[in-house]
Structure formats: C-alpha cells, structure tokens
Amino acid sequence: MNINEEVRGNACILSLNGRLDNESTQGFQERMSTIIDGGQTRLVLDLQALEYISSVGLRAFLLAAKKLKPLNGKLVLANLQDHIKEVLDIAGFSSLFPSYPSVDEAVQNVG
C-alpha cells in the first residue's frame, strides 16, 4: 500500500492507495503514530484509491482515534468507495468516523 501525505490548513490528509491488510497495517499504524506524535491532530483519510480493508486495518483506524482523543483530535474519512463503505457499515464503524464525499469537505469539517 502507498500512503501520500499532504497538509492543508490544520489538516493532515493521508491518501491510501492499495490494500490495508495484515501486510500493510503495521506500516500504516507507524505512520499515523509519527504524524500524531509530530503534533498533527486533525487527520483526513482519503480512501478513494483504497481497494480493500481488513479487520486489522479497521483496528488501525480505532487505534489512531484512541490516540487522538486525549489530544482533542479528530479523524475523518473522505471519498469512500461503495465496497469500503459497506465494510465500515457492517463493522459498525460508520457511526464512529464521520465521512465526507470529498477531501475538501472533510478538511472543512475536521475542525
């Protein structure tokens, strides 16, 4: 999986490209931790090019949100493809992470 990072205003946008599975989740978690430890507390995950997410990948979203909570941070999602949205819905994650149809809208609403 490839992760592209962009800072826009007070938001850090991570564009995920590929599969977030057992092989790639550790690297994703480390990248998220580094970003949060570096002071970024407003994160937007652009999932437009995410092909697949496993339960381990979903857990990484939870861990990032847990790390952001005491910092009054926020994690939002953007550009969910139907198959990824379905996984989030089934897992009950749709209510945990606000999602927006575009990165621009997500950046406006991340706080």
Protein backbone atom coordinates (compact mmCIF):
# COMPACT_ATOMS: atom_id res chain seq x y z
CA MET A 1 0.00 0.00 0.00
CA ASN A 2 1.14 3.52 -0.76
CA ILE A 3 0.39 6.46 1.52
CA ASN A 4 0.62 10.02 0.26
CA GLU A 5 0.65 12.81 2.80
CA GLU A 6 -0.44 16.42 2.33
CA VAL A 7 -1.04 19.20 4.85
CA ARG A 8 -3.86 21.60 4.06
CA GLY A 9 -4.56 24.26 6.67
CA ASN A 10 -4.65 22.49 10.02
CA ALA A 11 -5.50 19.09 8.47
CA CYS A 12 -3.15 16.31 7.51
CA ILE A 13 -4.52 14.34 4.56
CA LEU A 14 -3.40 10.77 4.08
CA SER A 15 -4.35 9.23 0.75
CA LEU A 16 -4.34 5.44 0.95
CA ASN A 17 -3.72 3.54 -2.26
CA GLY A 18 -3.96 -0.26 -2.37
CA ARG A 19 -4.84 -2.74 0.36
CA LEU A 20 -4.91 -2.12 4.11
CA ASP A 21 -4.41 -5.68 5.30
CA ASN A 22 -2.17 -7.80 7.52
CA GLU A 23 0.91 -6.95 5.47
CA SER A 24 0.45 -3.18 5.27
CA THR A 25 -1.28 -2.24 8.51
CA GLN A 26 1.85 -2.11 10.67
CA GLY A 27 3.44 0.49 8.38
CA PHE A 28 0.20 2.47 8.33
CA GLN A 29 -0.02 2.43 12.15
CA GLU A 30 3.58 3.59 12.47
CA ARG A 31 2.99 6.42 10.01
CA MET A 32 -0.15 7.52 11.88
CA SER A 33 1.70 7.46 15.21
CA THR A 34 4.57 9.51 13.79
CA ILE A 35 2.14 12.09 12.40
CA ILE A 36 0.18 12.37 15.65
CA ASP A 37 3.36 12.46 17.76
CA GLY A 38 4.56 15.24 15.46
CA GLY A 39 1.62 17.41 16.51
CA GLN A 40 -0.98 16.76 13.82
CA THR A 41 -4.35 16.21 15.49
CA ARG A 42 -6.72 16.79 12.55
CA LEU A 43 -6.50 13.83 10.17
CA VAL A 44 -8.35 13.14 6.95
CA LEU A 45 -8.07 9.70 5.40
CA ASP A 46 -8.72 9.86 1.66
CA LEU A 47 -9.95 6.36 0.79
CA GLN A 48 -10.68 6.90 -2.89
CA ALA A 49 -7.93 4.51 -4.01
CA LEU A 50 -8.27 2.04 -1.13
CA GLU A 51 -9.03 -1.33 -2.72
CA TYR A 52 -9.52 -3.43 0.41
CA ILE A 53 -9.56 -3.09 4.19
CA SER A 54 -9.30 -6.00 6.63
CA SER A 55 -10.33 -6.13 10.26
CA VAL A 56 -6.71 -5.38 11.17
CA GLY A 57 -6.93 -2.23 9.04
CA LEU A 58 -10.14 -1.23 10.78
CA ARG A 59 -8.41 -1.72 14.12
CA ALA A 60 -5.69 0.71 12.97
CA PHE A 61 -8.37 3.38 12.47
CA LEU A 62 -9.58 2.75 16.04
CA LEU A 63 -6.07 2.96 17.48
CA ALA A 64 -5.45 6.28 15.73
CA ALA A 65 -8.75 7.68 17.02
CA LYS A 66 -7.91 6.47 20.53
CA LYS A 67 -4.53 8.21 20.35
CA LEU A 68 -6.19 11.42 19.12
CA LYS A 69 -8.92 11.52 21.78
CA PRO A 70 -6.85 12.88 24.71
CA LEU A 71 -5.41 15.49 22.32
CA ASN A 72 -8.91 16.66 21.31
CA GLY A 73 -8.03 15.46 17.83
CA LYS A 74 -10.28 14.20 15.11
CA LEU A 75 -10.13 11.56 12.38
CA VAL A 76 -12.49 11.78 9.42
CA LEU A 77 -12.83 9.82 6.19
CA ALA A 78 -13.27 11.03 2.62
CA ASN A 79 -14.08 9.53 -0.77
CA LEU A 80 -15.37 6.17 0.44
CA GLN A 81 -15.90 3.68 -2.36
CA ASP A 82 -19.10 1.62 -2.05
CA HIS A 83 -17.28 -1.61 -1.16
CA ILE A 84 -15.25 0.11 1.59
CA LYS A 85 -18.34 1.88 2.93
CA GLU A 86 -20.11 -1.48 3.11
CA VAL A 87 -17.29 -2.94 5.23
CA LEU A 88 -17.41 0.08 7.56
CA ASP A 89 -21.21 -0.21 7.83
CA ILE A 90 -21.11 -3.94 8.61
CA ALA A 91 -18.39 -3.44 11.23
CA GLY A 92 -20.32 -0.57 12.84
CA PHE A 93 -17.56 1.93 12.10
CA SER A 94 -19.70 4.33 10.08
CA SER A 95 -21.04 5.83 13.29
CA LEU A 96 -17.53 6.21 14.74
CA PHE A 97 -15.89 8.06 11.87
CA PRO A 98 -17.58 10.93 10.06
CA SER A 99 -17.24 10.59 6.30
CA TYR A 100 -17.49 13.13 3.52
CA PRO A 101 -17.85 12.80 -0.25
CA SER A 102 -14.69 14.82 -0.94
CA VAL A 103 -11.39 15.71 0.69
CA ASP A 104 -12.31 19.41 0.55
CA GLU A 105 -15.47 18.80 2.59
CA ALA A 106 -13.59 16.61 5.03
CA VAL A 107 -10.93 19.29 5.56
CA GLN A 108 -13.65 21.90 6.18
CA ASN A 109 -15.28 19.67 8.81
CA VAL A 110 -12.28 18.21 10.57
CA GLY A 111 -12.16 21.25 12.83
